[in-house]
Protein backbone atom coordinates (compact mmCIF):
# COMPACT_ATOMS: atom_id res chain seq x y z
CA UNK A 1 0.17 -0.19 -0.23
CA UNK A 2 3.00 2.55 0.95
CA UNK A 3 4.12 1.42 -2.34
CA UNK A 4 1.39 2.16 -4.31
CA UNK A 5 0.96 5.48 -2.82
CA UNK A 6 4.70 6.64 -3.54
CA UNK A 7 3.97 5.64 -6.72
CA UNK A 8 1.06 7.82 -7.32
CA UNK A 9 2.72 10.78 -5.54
CA UNK A 10 5.88 10.62 -7.67
CA UNK A 11 3.31 10.59 -10.85
CA UNK A 12 1.18 13.27 -9.73
CA UNK A 13 4.82 15.48 -9.45
CA UNK A 14 5.67 14.39 -12.72
CA UNK A 15 2.48 15.38 -14.34
CA UNK A 16 2.68 18.98 -12.12
CA UNK A 17 6.40 19.19 -13.48
CA UNK A 18 5.74 18.70 -16.96
CA UNK A 19 2.67 21.24 -17.08
CA UNK A 20 4.81 23.64 -15.54
CA UNK A 21 7.48 22.93 -17.80
CA UNK A 22 4.84 23.35 -20.76
CA UNK A 23 3.67 26.70 -19.78
CA UNK A 24 7.00 28.08 -19.22
CA UNK A 25 7.70 27.12 -23.08
CA UNK A 26 4.18 28.28 -23.96
CA UNK A 27 4.65 31.44 -22.16
CA UNK A 28 8.02 32.22 -23.87
CA UNK A 29 6.74 31.09 -27.32
CA UNK A 30 3.90 33.75 -26.93
CA UNK A 31 6.22 36.68 -25.64
CA UNK A 32 8.55 36.05 -29.09
CA UNK A 33 5.32 36.02 -31.27
CA UNK A 34 4.31 39.14 -29.53
CA UNK A 35 8.01 40.54 -29.82
CA UNK A 36 7.98 40.02 -33.38
CA UNK A 37 4.69 41.99 -34.06
CA UNK A 38 5.27 44.87 -31.37
CA UNK A 39 8.84 46.04 -31.23
CA UNK A 40 9.82 47.95 -28.32
CA UNK A 41 13.23 48.71 -26.10
CA UNK A 42 13.65 49.79 -22.56
CA UNK A 43 15.83 52.56 -21.45
CA UNK A 44 16.36 52.25 -17.59
CA UNK A 45 19.11 55.12 -17.21
CA UNK A 46 17.84 58.35 -15.77
CA UNK A 47 18.82 60.51 -18.63
CA UNK A 48 17.61 58.25 -21.30
CA UNK A 49 21.18 58.01 -23.07
CA UNK A 50 20.29 54.98 -24.96
CA UNK A 51 17.04 56.15 -26.44
CA UNK A 52 17.02 57.60 -30.13
CA UNK A 53 15.07 60.93 -30.67
CA UNK A 54 11.77 60.59 -32.82
CA UNK A 55 13.82 62.54 -35.68
CA UNK A 56 16.38 60.12 -35.72
CA UNK A 57 14.24 57.14 -35.64
CA UNK A 58 12.26 58.83 -38.76
CA UNK A 59 15.65 59.38 -40.25
CA UNK A 60 16.95 55.98 -40.12
CA UNK A 61 13.53 54.34 -40.69
CA UNK A 62 12.81 56.10 -44.42
CA UNK A 63 16.66 55.60 -45.50
CA UNK A 64 16.30 55.09 -49.44
CA UNK A 65 20.05 53.70 -49.74
CA UNK A 66 22.70 51.69 -48.28
CA UNK A 67 24.90 54.03 -45.52
CA UNK A 68 28.23 52.75 -44.21
CA UNK A 69 29.84 54.34 -41.32
CA UNK A 70 33.59 53.73 -40.61
CA UNK A 71 34.80 54.53 -37.41
CA UNK A 72 38.79 55.16 -36.56
CA UNK A 73 38.21 54.57 -33.26
CA UNK A 74 40.01 51.10 -33.04
CA UNK A 75 42.72 49.97 -31.03
CA UNK A 76 44.06 50.40 -27.03
CA UNK A 77 42.83 53.48 -25.69
CA UNK A 78 43.01 55.00 -22.11
CA UNK A 79 40.20 54.84 -19.90
CA UNK A 80 38.50 57.97 -21.43
CA UNK A 81 39.11 57.34 -24.98
CA UNK A 82 37.90 53.62 -24.47
CA UNK A 83 34.54 55.30 -22.98
CA UNK A 84 34.01 57.33 -26.53
CA UNK A 85 34.79 54.20 -28.45
CA UNK A 86 32.42 52.35 -26.40
CA UNK A 87 29.63 55.01 -26.77
CA UNK A 88 30.28 55.58 -30.66
CA UNK A 89 29.75 51.55 -31.08
CA UNK A 90 26.65 51.91 -28.59
CA UNK A 91 25.32 54.76 -30.53
CA UNK A 92 25.60 52.56 -34.03
CA UNK A 93 24.14 49.55 -32.46
CA UNK A 94 21.10 51.84 -31.43
CA UNK A 95 21.06 53.32 -34.98
CA UNK A 96 21.24 49.83 -36.46
CA UNK A 97 18.04 48.72 -34.75
CA UNK A 98 16.29 51.34 -36.42
CA UNK A 99 18.02 51.69 -39.98
CA UNK A 100 17.95 47.70 -40.29
CA UNK A 101 19.80 46.35 -43.68
CA UNK A 102 20.45 49.79 -44.87
CA UNK A 103 22.90 50.85 -41.64
CA UNK A 104 26.49 49.29 -41.91
CA UNK A 105 29.17 50.12 -39.75
CA UNK A 106 32.81 49.37 -39.06
CA UNK A 107 35.74 50.14 -36.64
CA UNK A 108 39.23 50.38 -38.44
CA UNK A 109 42.35 51.17 -36.35
CA UNK A 110 44.31 53.21 -38.45
CA UNK A 111 47.75 52.35 -36.81
CA UNK A 112 47.29 48.60 -37.47
CA UNK A 113 49.32 48.47 -40.39
CA UNK A 114 52.16 45.88 -40.74
CA UNK A 115 55.18 48.12 -41.51
CA UNK A 116 55.59 51.76 -40.49
CA UNK A 117 55.60 52.72 -44.21
CA UNK A 118 52.34 51.58 -45.06
CA UNK A 119 51.05 52.95 -41.69
CA UNK A 120 52.72 56.30 -42.87
CA UNK A 121 50.71 56.09 -45.80
CA UNK A 122 47.34 55.12 -44.53
CA UNK A 123 48.04 58.60 -42.50
CA UNK A 124 48.18 60.55 -45.29
CA UNK A 125 45.33 59.02 -47.06
CA UNK A 126 42.94 59.93 -43.94
CA UNK A 127 44.82 63.58 -44.03
CA UNK A 128 44.02 63.88 -47.62
CA UNK A 129 40.43 63.16 -46.62
CA UNK A 130 40.49 65.99 -44.01
CA UNK A 131 40.74 64.05 -40.94
CA UNK A 132 43.31 65.82 -38.87
CA UNK A 133 44.84 63.59 -35.93
CA UNK A 134 45.34 64.13 -32.44
CA UNK A 135 48.39 63.06 -30.48
CA UNK A 136 47.29 61.10 -27.24
CA UNK A 137 49.63 61.26 -24.47
CA UNK A 138 49.52 57.67 -22.39
CA UNK A 139 51.24 55.80 -19.94
CA UNK A 140 53.01 52.05 -20.82
CA UNK A 141 54.99 50.27 -18.43
CA UNK A 142 55.97 53.12 -16.70
CA UNK A 143 56.82 55.36 -19.57
CA UNK A 144 55.18 58.30 -21.30
CA UNK A 145 54.67 57.41 -25.08
CA UNK A 146 52.60 59.46 -27.39
CA UNK A 147 49.76 57.87 -29.74
CA UNK A 148 48.42 59.26 -32.92
CA UNK A 149 44.69 58.95 -33.05
CA UNK A 150 42.10 59.67 -35.26
CA UNK A 151 38.97 61.01 -33.62
CA UNK A 152 36.65 60.50 -36.57
CA UNK A 153 34.24 58.56 -38.48
CA UNK A 154 33.26 58.52 -42.28
CA UNK A 155 29.45 58.42 -43.28
CA UNK A 156 29.25 56.79 -47.37
CA UNK A 157 26.13 56.86 -49.19
CA UNK A 158 25.32 57.59 -52.82
CA UNK A 159 28.87 57.74 -53.88
CA UNK A 160 28.85 60.77 -51.47
CA UNK A 161 31.14 61.04 -48.22
CA UNK A 162 30.44 63.00 -44.77
CA UNK A 163 33.41 63.42 -42.16
CA UNK A 164 32.47 63.35 -38.62
CA UNK A 165 34.53 64.73 -35.68
CA UNK A 166 33.92 62.56 -32.83
CA UNK A 167 35.86 64.77 -30.18
CA UNK A 168 34.17 67.99 -29.83
CA UNK A 169 33.26 69.95 -26.83
CA UNK A 170 34.88 72.86 -25.18
CA UNK A 171 38.96 72.62 -25.34
CA UNK A 172 38.81 74.74 -22.31
CA UNK A 173 36.56 72.41 -20.34
CA UNK A 174 38.86 69.58 -18.23
CA UNK A 175 39.21 66.53 -20.43
CA UNK A 176 36.66 64.37 -18.58
CA UNK A 177 34.50 67.14 -19.43
CA UNK A 178 34.88 67.14 -22.85
CA UNK A 179 34.68 63.92 -23.45
CA UNK A 180 31.55 64.00 -21.95
CA UNK A 181 30.58 66.56 -24.08
CA UNK A 182 31.42 64.66 -27.22
CA UNK A 183 29.73 61.63 -26.16
CA UNK A 184 26.37 63.74 -25.56
CA UNK A 185 26.53 65.04 -29.08
CA UNK A 186 27.30 61.50 -30.77
CA UNK A 187 23.84 60.99 -31.69
CA UNK A 188 23.41 64.53 -33.64
CA UNK A 189 26.90 64.43 -35.27
CA UNK A 190 25.89 61.12 -36.65
CA UNK A 191 22.23 61.48 -37.61
CA UNK A 192 23.05 64.82 -39.00
CA UNK A 193 25.98 63.58 -41.46
CA UNK A 194 23.34 60.67 -42.54
CA UNK A 195 20.85 63.32 -43.22
CA UNK A 196 22.97 65.38 -45.46
CA UNK A 197 23.91 62.54 -47.63
CA UNK A 198 19.91 61.28 -47.64
CA UNK A 199 18.40 62.42 -51.30
CA UNK A 200 15.91 65.15 -50.57
CA UNK A 201 14.58 68.73 -51.94
CA UNK A 202 17.67 70.75 -51.42
CA UNK A 203 16.35 74.13 -49.52
CA UNK A 204 17.35 77.70 -50.80
CA UNK A 205 19.07 80.45 -48.92
CA UNK A 206 19.88 84.02 -50.18
CA UNK A 207 23.08 86.03 -49.02
CA UNK A 208 21.99 89.77 -49.61
CA UNK A 209 24.42 92.06 -51.48
CA UNK A 210 24.51 95.50 -52.73
CA UNK A 211 25.67 97.25 -49.34
CA UNK A 212 28.84 96.65 -49.17
CA UNK A 213 28.43 93.10 -47.92
CA UNK A 214 31.29 90.30 -47.79
CA UNK A 215 32.42 89.31 -50.94
CA UNK A 216 32.25 86.06 -52.34
CA UNK A 217 36.01 85.57 -51.13
CA UNK A 218 35.72 87.08 -48.03
CA UNK A 219 32.72 84.74 -46.87
CA UNK A 220 33.78 82.13 -49.16
CA UNK A 221 33.99 79.28 -46.42
CA UNK A 222 30.61 79.83 -45.14
CA UNK A 223 29.09 80.09 -48.73
CA UNK A 224 30.88 76.63 -49.70
CA UNK A 225 29.97 74.90 -46.29
CA UNK A 226 26.32 76.05 -46.89
CA UNK A 227 26.39 75.07 -50.49
CA UNK A 228 27.08 71.33 -49.53
CA UNK A 229 23.70 71.10 -48.44
CA UNK A 230 21.73 73.90 -49.52
CA UNK A 231 21.13 75.82 -52.74
CA UNK A 232 23.13 79.18 -51.93
CA UNK A 233 22.49 82.31 -54.27
CA UNK A 234 23.58 85.94 -54.05
CA UNK A 235 20.65 88.27 -53.58
CA UNK A 236 20.17 92.19 -54.46
CA UNK A 237 17.12 93.53 -52.70
CA UNK A 238 16.63 96.40 -55.29
CA UNK A 239 16.50 94.22 -58.08
CA UNK A 240 14.61 91.08 -56.37
CA UNK A 241 10.88 90.82 -56.84
CA UNK A 242 8.97 89.62 -53.88
CA UNK A 243 7.91 86.46 -55.31
CA UNK A 244 11.58 85.88 -55.93
CA UNK A 245 12.22 86.22 -51.94
CA UNK A 246 9.31 83.40 -51.63
CA UNK A 247 11.29 80.77 -53.01
CA UNK A 248 13.98 80.95 -50.65
CA UNK A 249 14.02 79.86 -46.61
CA UNK A 250 16.57 82.09 -45.47
CA UNK A 251 18.63 85.02 -45.92
CA UNK A 252 21.76 86.04 -44.63
CA UNK A 253 22.62 89.77 -44.15
CA UNK A 254 26.52 89.59 -43.57
CA UNK A 255 28.53 92.75 -42.64
CA UNK A 256 26.73 95.62 -44.68
CA UNK A 257 28.62 98.89 -44.56
CA UNK A 258 25.94 101.28 -46.33
CA UNK A 259 22.25 101.78 -45.81
CA UNK A 260 19.41 99.64 -46.97
CA UNK A 261 16.75 101.89 -48.60
CA UNK A 262 13.29 101.58 -47.82
CA UNK A 263 12.20 99.75 -50.53
CA UNK A 264 15.06 96.97 -49.59
CA UNK A 265 13.78 97.20 -46.11
CA UNK A 266 10.28 96.46 -46.97
CA UNK A 267 11.03 93.65 -49.17
CA UNK A 268 12.92 92.27 -46.33
CA UNK A 269 10.33 93.09 -43.68
CA UNK A 270 7.59 91.44 -45.94
CA UNK A 271 9.82 88.08 -46.12
CA UNK A 272 10.14 87.78 -42.30
CA UNK A 273 7.01 88.44 -41.89
CA UNK A 274 5.78 85.76 -44.06
CA UNK A 275 7.60 82.99 -42.61
CA UNK A 276 11.19 83.72 -43.79
CA UNK A 277 13.78 82.93 -41.40
CA UNK A 278 17.15 85.43 -41.35
CA UNK A 279 20.73 85.71 -40.15
CA UNK A 280 22.03 89.22 -39.15
CA UNK A 281 25.64 89.93 -38.63
CA UNK A 282 25.70 93.57 -38.38
CA UNK A 283 28.44 96.05 -37.03
CA UNK A 284 27.00 98.95 -34.89
CA UNK A 285 30.19 100.84 -35.07
CA UNK A 286 32.37 102.06 -38.12
CA UNK A 287 36.30 100.80 -37.80
CA UNK A 288 39.19 101.40 -40.10
CA UNK A 289 41.88 99.73 -38.80
CA UNK A 290 44.12 101.55 -41.55
CA UNK A 291 43.22 104.86 -39.78
CA UNK A 292 43.65 103.11 -36.37
CA UNK A 293 47.08 102.04 -37.56
CA UNK A 294 48.04 105.57 -38.47
CA UNK A 295 47.61 107.05 -35.32
CA UNK A 296 44.23 106.66 -34.04
CA UNK A 297 40.68 106.86 -35.07
CA UNK A 298 37.30 107.88 -33.47
CA UNK A 299 34.56 105.05 -34.40
CA UNK A 300 31.13 106.55 -34.87
CA UNK A 301 28.27 104.56 -35.08
CA UNK A 302 27.57 103.01 -38.55
CA UNK A 303 24.07 103.94 -40.31
CA UNK A 304 22.22 101.05 -42.09
CA UNK A 305 18.87 101.82 -41.72
CA UNK A 306 18.26 98.75 -39.98
CA UNK A 307 17.94 99.75 -36.50
CA UNK A 308 14.12 100.27 -36.11
CA UNK A 309 13.45 96.96 -37.94
CA UNK A 310 15.34 94.99 -35.62
CA UNK A 311 13.91 97.33 -32.89
CA UNK A 312 9.96 96.16 -34.09
CA UNK A 313 11.59 92.73 -34.14
CA UNK A 314 12.48 92.88 -30.37
CA UNK A 315 16.44 93.54 -30.33
CA UNK A 316 18.62 96.67 -30.34
CA UNK A 317 22.39 96.49 -31.56
CA UNK A 318 23.85 99.50 -29.25
CA UNK A 319 26.18 101.96 -30.56
CA UNK A 320 29.02 100.84 -28.47
CA UNK A 321 32.47 98.64 -28.60
CA UNK A 322 32.80 95.80 -26.07
CA UNK A 323 36.24 95.60 -24.60
CA UNK A 324 37.35 91.99 -23.03
CA UNK A 325 40.03 90.73 -21.00
CA UNK A 326 40.06 87.35 -22.54
CA UNK A 327 40.40 88.40 -26.15
CA UNK A 328 42.30 87.58 -29.52
CA UNK A 329 45.84 89.32 -30.57
CA UNK A 330 47.02 91.36 -33.31
CA UNK A 331 50.27 92.12 -35.28
CA UNK A 332 52.37 94.63 -33.75
CA UNK A 333 56.01 95.86 -34.75
CA UNK A 334 57.90 95.99 -31.57
CA UNK A 335 60.99 96.08 -32.69
CA UNK A 336 63.79 95.32 -35.35
CA UNK A 337 65.61 92.02 -36.46
CA UNK A 338 68.42 93.37 -38.45
CA UNK A 339 67.48 95.62 -41.52
CA UNK A 340 63.58 93.69 -40.88
CA UNK A 341 60.76 94.94 -38.27
CA UNK A 342 59.93 92.16 -35.61
CA UNK A 343 56.30 91.55 -35.18
CA UNK A 344 54.81 90.05 -32.62
CA UNK A 345 50.80 89.24 -31.45
CA UNK A 346 49.58 91.56 -29.04
CA UNK A 347 46.57 90.79 -27.16
CA UNK A 348 43.86 93.05 -28.60
CA UNK A 349 40.86 93.70 -26.32
CA UNK A 350 38.58 94.70 -29.40
CA UNK A 351 38.37 91.28 -30.23
CA UNK A 352 36.87 89.55 -27.38
CA UNK A 353 36.88 85.49 -27.56
CA UNK A 354 33.31 84.33 -26.78
CA UNK A 355 33.45 81.33 -24.40
CA UNK A 356 30.04 81.47 -22.58
CA UNK A 357 27.17 80.41 -24.00
CA UNK A 358 23.21 79.55 -23.40
CA UNK A 359 22.31 76.17 -22.92
CA UNK A 360 20.54 76.10 -26.69
CA UNK A 361 21.05 73.67 -29.25
CA UNK A 362 22.66 75.92 -31.33
CA UNK A 363 25.41 76.79 -28.72
CA UNK A 364 25.30 73.70 -26.39
CA UNK A 365 28.97 72.32 -25.71
CA UNK A 366 30.60 74.73 -28.64
CA UNK A 367 34.15 75.63 -28.31
CA UNK A 368 34.89 79.35 -28.18
CA UNK A 369 34.34 81.79 -31.28
CA UNK A 370 36.32 84.86 -32.55
CA UNK A 371 34.82 88.01 -32.55
CA UNK A 372 35.93 91.50 -33.92
CA UNK A 373 34.69 94.94 -32.63
CA UNK A 374 31.54 93.91 -31.20
CA UNK A 375 28.59 95.48 -29.59
CA UNK A 376 26.13 94.92 -27.06
CA UNK A 377 22.61 93.89 -27.28
CA UNK A 378 19.53 94.70 -25.81
CA UNK A 379 16.01 93.56 -26.22
CA UNK A 380 12.69 95.61 -26.30
CA UNK A 381 9.21 94.54 -26.31
CA UNK A 382 7.49 92.45 -28.93
CA UNK A 383 4.61 90.60 -28.15
CA UNK A 384 4.34 87.14 -28.85
CA UNK A 385 8.53 86.95 -29.53
CA UNK A 386 10.44 84.41 -27.57
CA UNK A 387 14.02 85.73 -27.40
CA UNK A 388 16.95 83.65 -26.52
CA UNK A 389 20.61 85.18 -25.45
CA UNK A 390 23.44 82.85 -27.12
CA UNK A 391 26.53 84.49 -26.48
CA UNK A 392 28.12 86.47 -23.87
CA UNK A 393 31.30 87.96 -22.94
CA UNK A 394 33.75 87.28 -20.06
CA UNK A 395 32.82 88.63 -16.49
CA UNK A 396 35.78 91.08 -17.43
CA UNK A 397 34.17 93.13 -19.85
CA UNK A 398 34.27 97.07 -20.80
CA UNK A 399 31.58 98.81 -22.39
CA UNK A 400 32.66 101.96 -24.59
CA UNK A 401 30.02 104.29 -25.70
CA UNK A 402 29.92 106.13 -29.18
CA UNK A 403 32.41 108.05 -30.19
CA UNK A 404 35.07 105.13 -29.03
CA UNK A 405 38.87 106.22 -29.59
CA UNK A 406 40.91 103.28 -31.36
CA UNK A 407 44.46 103.29 -31.83
CA UNK A 408 46.53 99.90 -32.20
CA UNK A 409 49.22 101.02 -30.30
CA UNK A 410 47.07 100.98 -27.04
CA UNK A 411 48.09 97.31 -27.19
CA UNK A 412 51.30 97.53 -25.98
CA UNK A 413 50.16 98.59 -22.65
CA UNK A 414 48.71 96.34 -20.09
CA UNK A 415 45.14 96.80 -19.38
CA UNK A 416 43.52 98.15 -16.17
CA UNK A 417 41.32 95.13 -14.56
CA UNK A 418 39.69 97.81 -12.35
CA UNK A 419 38.08 99.44 -15.54
CA UNK A 420 36.55 95.85 -16.92
CA UNK A 421 33.40 96.04 -14.37
CA UNK A 422 30.98 94.92 -16.77
CA UNK A 423 30.11 91.25 -16.97
CA UNK A 424 28.32 88.76 -19.47
CA UNK A 425 27.32 91.11 -21.76
CA UNK A 426 24.71 89.49 -24.72
CA UNK A 427 26.02 89.64 -28.22
CA UNK A 428 24.08 87.29 -29.91
CA UNK A 429 20.33 86.66 -29.78
CA UNK A 430 17.75 84.49 -31.24
CA UNK A 431 14.32 85.48 -31.89
CA UNK A 432 11.56 83.18 -32.71
CA UNK A 433 7.73 83.84 -33.24
CA UNK A 434 5.65 85.83 -35.41
CA UNK A 435 6.96 88.95 -36.13
CA UNK A 436 4.95 92.33 -36.75
CA UNK A 437 5.79 94.18 -39.54
CA UNK A 438 7.50 97.53 -39.42
CA UNK A 439 5.13 98.86 -42.11
CA UNK A 440 1.93 97.45 -40.38
CA UNK A 441 -0.95 100.55 -40.77
CA UNK A 442 1.48 102.42 -43.06
CA UNK A 443 2.03 102.67 -46.53
CA UNK A 444 3.94 100.42 -48.58
CA UNK A 445 7.34 102.74 -49.63
CA UNK A 446 6.93 104.11 -52.59
CA UNK A 447 3.44 103.43 -53.18
CA UNK A 448 0.11 104.77 -51.86
CA UNK A 449 -1.09 101.04 -50.88
CA UNK A 450 -1.85 101.22 -47.00
CA UNK A 451 -0.97 98.04 -45.15
CA UNK A 452 -3.04 96.14 -42.56
CA UNK A 453 -2.08 95.72 -39.04
CA UNK A 454 -1.75 91.60 -39.81
CA UNK A 455 -0.71 90.48 -43.01
CA UNK A 456 -2.88 87.80 -44.30
CA UNK A 457 0.21 85.96 -45.08
CA UNK A 458 1.61 86.37 -41.51
CA UNK A 459 3.74 82.97 -40.62
CA UNK A 460 6.13 82.71 -37.64
CA UNK A 461 9.60 82.79 -38.45
CA UNK A 462 13.05 83.04 -36.87
CA UNK A 463 15.94 85.65 -36.62
CA UNK A 464 19.55 85.42 -35.41
CA UNK A 465 21.37 88.41 -34.60
CA UNK A 466 25.05 88.84 -34.02
CA UNK A 467 26.22 92.28 -33.25
CA UNK A 468 29.77 91.71 -35.41
CA UNK A 469 29.75 91.48 -39.07
CA UNK A 470 33.12 89.99 -38.72
CA UNK A 471 31.76 86.70 -37.36
CA UNK A 472 31.08 85.06 -40.71
CA UNK A 473 34.55 86.74 -42.33
CA UNK A 474 37.05 84.05 -43.27
CA UNK A 475 40.78 85.00 -43.61
CA UNK A 476 42.43 84.80 -47.44
CA UNK A 477 45.76 82.82 -48.15
CA UNK A 478 47.76 85.53 -49.52
CA UNK A 479 49.55 82.89 -51.88
CA UNK A 480 46.65 81.03 -53.07
CA UNK A 481 43.65 83.81 -52.81
CA UNK A 482 41.74 80.88 -51.67
CA UNK A 483 39.45 81.01 -48.33
CA UNK A 484 40.64 80.12 -44.57
CA UNK A 485 38.21 77.90 -42.65
CA UNK A 486 35.72 80.11 -40.78
CA UNK A 487 36.82 80.82 -37.42
CA UNK A 488 40.95 80.01 -38.35
CA UNK A 489 43.10 82.31 -36.98
CA UNK A 490 46.08 82.80 -38.66
CA UNK A 491 48.29 84.68 -36.32
CA UNK A 492 47.33 82.42 -33.16
CA UNK A 493 46.95 78.86 -35.52
CA UNK A 494 43.99 78.12 -33.81
CA UNK A 495 40.48 77.45 -34.92
CA UNK A 496 37.51 78.61 -33.33
CA UNK A 497 33.89 77.36 -33.55
CA UNK A 498 32.42 80.21 -35.60
CA UNK A 499 31.62 78.06 -38.70
CA UNK A 500 30.17 75.41 -36.05
CA UNK A 501 27.77 77.90 -34.94
CA UNK A 502 26.57 79.45 -37.95
CA UNK A 503 25.96 75.57 -39.45
CA UNK A 504 24.37 74.98 -36.39
CA UNK A 505 21.97 78.12 -36.32
CA UNK A 506 20.97 77.35 -40.41
CA UNK A 507 20.42 73.92 -39.14
CA UNK A 508 17.87 75.28 -36.24
CA UNK A 509 16.38 78.04 -38.26
CA UNK A 510 15.68 75.19 -41.35
CA UNK A 511 15.29 71.94 -39.29
CA UNK A 512 11.33 70.82 -39.63
CA UNK A 513 12.34 67.40 -38.59
CA UNK A 514 13.85 68.80 -35.14
CA UNK A 515 17.08 66.91 -35.22
CA UNK A 516 18.89 69.59 -34.53
CA UNK A 517 17.15 69.47 -30.83
CA UNK A 518 19.34 66.44 -30.29
CA UNK A 519 22.09 68.57 -29.21
CA UNK A 520 20.57 69.32 -26.16
CA UNK A 521 20.94 65.59 -25.15
CA UNK A 522 22.52 65.91 -21.49
CA UNK A 523 24.49 62.71 -19.89
CA UNK A 524 25.63 63.52 -16.32
CA UNK A 525 28.87 62.85 -15.25
CA UNK A 526 29.18 60.99 -12.05
CA UNK A 527 32.76 60.86 -10.87
CA UNK A 528 33.84 59.03 -7.91
CA UNK A 529 35.03 60.84 -4.76
CA UNK A 530 38.73 59.68 -5.32
CA UNK A 531 39.69 60.59 -1.59
CA UNK A 532 37.01 57.97 -0.45
CA UNK A 533 37.75 55.59 -2.96
CA UNK A 534 41.84 55.71 -1.79
CA UNK A 535 40.25 55.32 2.00
CA UNK A 536 37.51 52.30 1.29
CA UNK A 537 39.17 50.71 -1.58
CA UNK A 538 40.23 47.53 0.83
CA UNK A 539 36.87 47.58 2.19
CA UNK A 540 35.20 47.32 -1.19
CA UNK A 541 37.83 45.16 -2.82
CA UNK A 542 36.99 42.55 0.14
CA UNK A 543 33.19 43.09 0.32
CA UNK A 544 33.29 42.38 -3.69
CA UNK A 545 35.38 39.18 -3.09
CA UNK A 546 33.46 37.38 0.05
CA UNK A 547 30.16 38.64 -0.29
CA UNK A 548 29.33 36.70 -3.73
CA UNK A 549 31.09 33.82 -2.29
CA UNK A 550 28.78 33.89 1.19
CA UNK A 551 25.52 34.40 -0.79
CA UNK A 552 26.33 31.24 -2.87
CA UNK A 553 27.37 29.14 0.13
CA UNK A 554 24.38 30.47 2.06
CA UNK A 555 22.06 29.80 -1.12
CA UNK A 556 23.40 26.48 -0.81
CA UNK A 557 22.97 25.73 2.52
CA UNK A 558 19.06 26.46 2.56
CA UNK A 559 18.60 24.94 -0.60
CA UNK A 560 20.22 21.71 1.13
CA UNK A 561 17.98 22.21 4.07
CA UNK A 562 14.80 22.50 2.22
CA UNK A 563 15.36 19.12 0.31
CA UNK A 564 16.30 17.37 3.25
CA UNK A 565 13.22 18.38 5.23
CA UNK A 566 10.72 17.97 2.17
CA UNK A 567 11.77 14.53 1.43
CA UNK A 568 12.40 13.27 4.84
CA UNK A 569 8.57 12.51 4.91
CA UNK A 570 9.02 9.74 2.29
């Protein structure tokens, strides 16, 4: 009887176990089926660092051609660069989920060539593409060594290729902060390059001429850079018809020197109030460096006849000049070397280096930008207009109202810090909203046609105003006559971020998909408390080694006790 009971109990237990197993297998199959029908991913990080934006997902899901990303960050790196390397890999893995078979990526080690000659030839090929290397210092076996790395990626699609710099951020920031800034911008940099190579209708941008604005040579890098992604045209407002301007998505006013006529202002006004975007890089003061070099000059306000128009839109360019202790340099003759003059770079406070930005997508994680003879900006009441300051001078700023004496010989004198009492003066503003026409309730210039308070064609628009016309002016190579990259200062042999800021601004003004908003992504640094780590190192090492073994032993003992108690009945 006891034996039959044991057999019956064993049979019941076997059926129960088989039923549980079948249910588990069935549940797994059901979850797998549902997972194939409804795709989803979970990101449990606080700042959602692994979550792609909606604009990036839409871009990748609508790829019409294969895209190949080649990353030159393979190899043995210090921990910081390994983190950047891993973040690039994780970002591309996430992108591949949405891009599917149309997105491929590969990591390449530029230093992996078998011979030194082959390695140098490969380096030369990368340099020819415009990929500039970075010297990375590292300690190996107690010795200091220098490594050449290429923190770049190339995105290829449709026979075209776009370079992507992976190591960005503010160079004045600590190394770990700059690496974190680079990681924050990975999604935008890669997605932006893919978007630029994707086929689609190119938007049109007009560069205004006819008032002494920058020439094609002086604005060559800006026009060339924009021309890679947009159709760029020269526009003469005096000769253009209003319907011609309607085909443009944006207008750029780059350092005008003479006044705009009322009919030209009217065309510009109607373009903006009817949804056209605009970028103003204008000077408030007239400066002639030749006169300043010959014994000095007085700088007076530059009358462009745009003051009332910008005032109506919500910003005022003040008739003053800003001096900043954080400044660029100018070449000055300081003596003689034999029969030749000795020229040295000297700090020139009229050339502020701007390294204070708002956390807006246009300027987030941006490196310093270079300005010349910049003026302060104020905002004025404009109903319905959102005003965002983007660029600020340093905390050691001096404001000189017009007229301003300028003499290059002043650069030889040390500045008096007591005079630099102003701080964080705004020199760049973004205006967004429905702009009210300057000619509302007035007659159209040159006619008797009365304009209503609100145009039936009114649409929201965006305007960028920077109080420095030279902001978009590139230097020119005197030997070849070709323009240098915008923001490159030959005297300091440094490239500033003017070019990047303007391209970001144009992207923001014209980007309907919202991809530029990805630049606002933020990843919080959580550094360890190094003194506490050193103090408690032994304790945590012991805990990490002993605790898992203790838990495993405890689990085994409890399991053995339960089995013994369970089966002791039989």
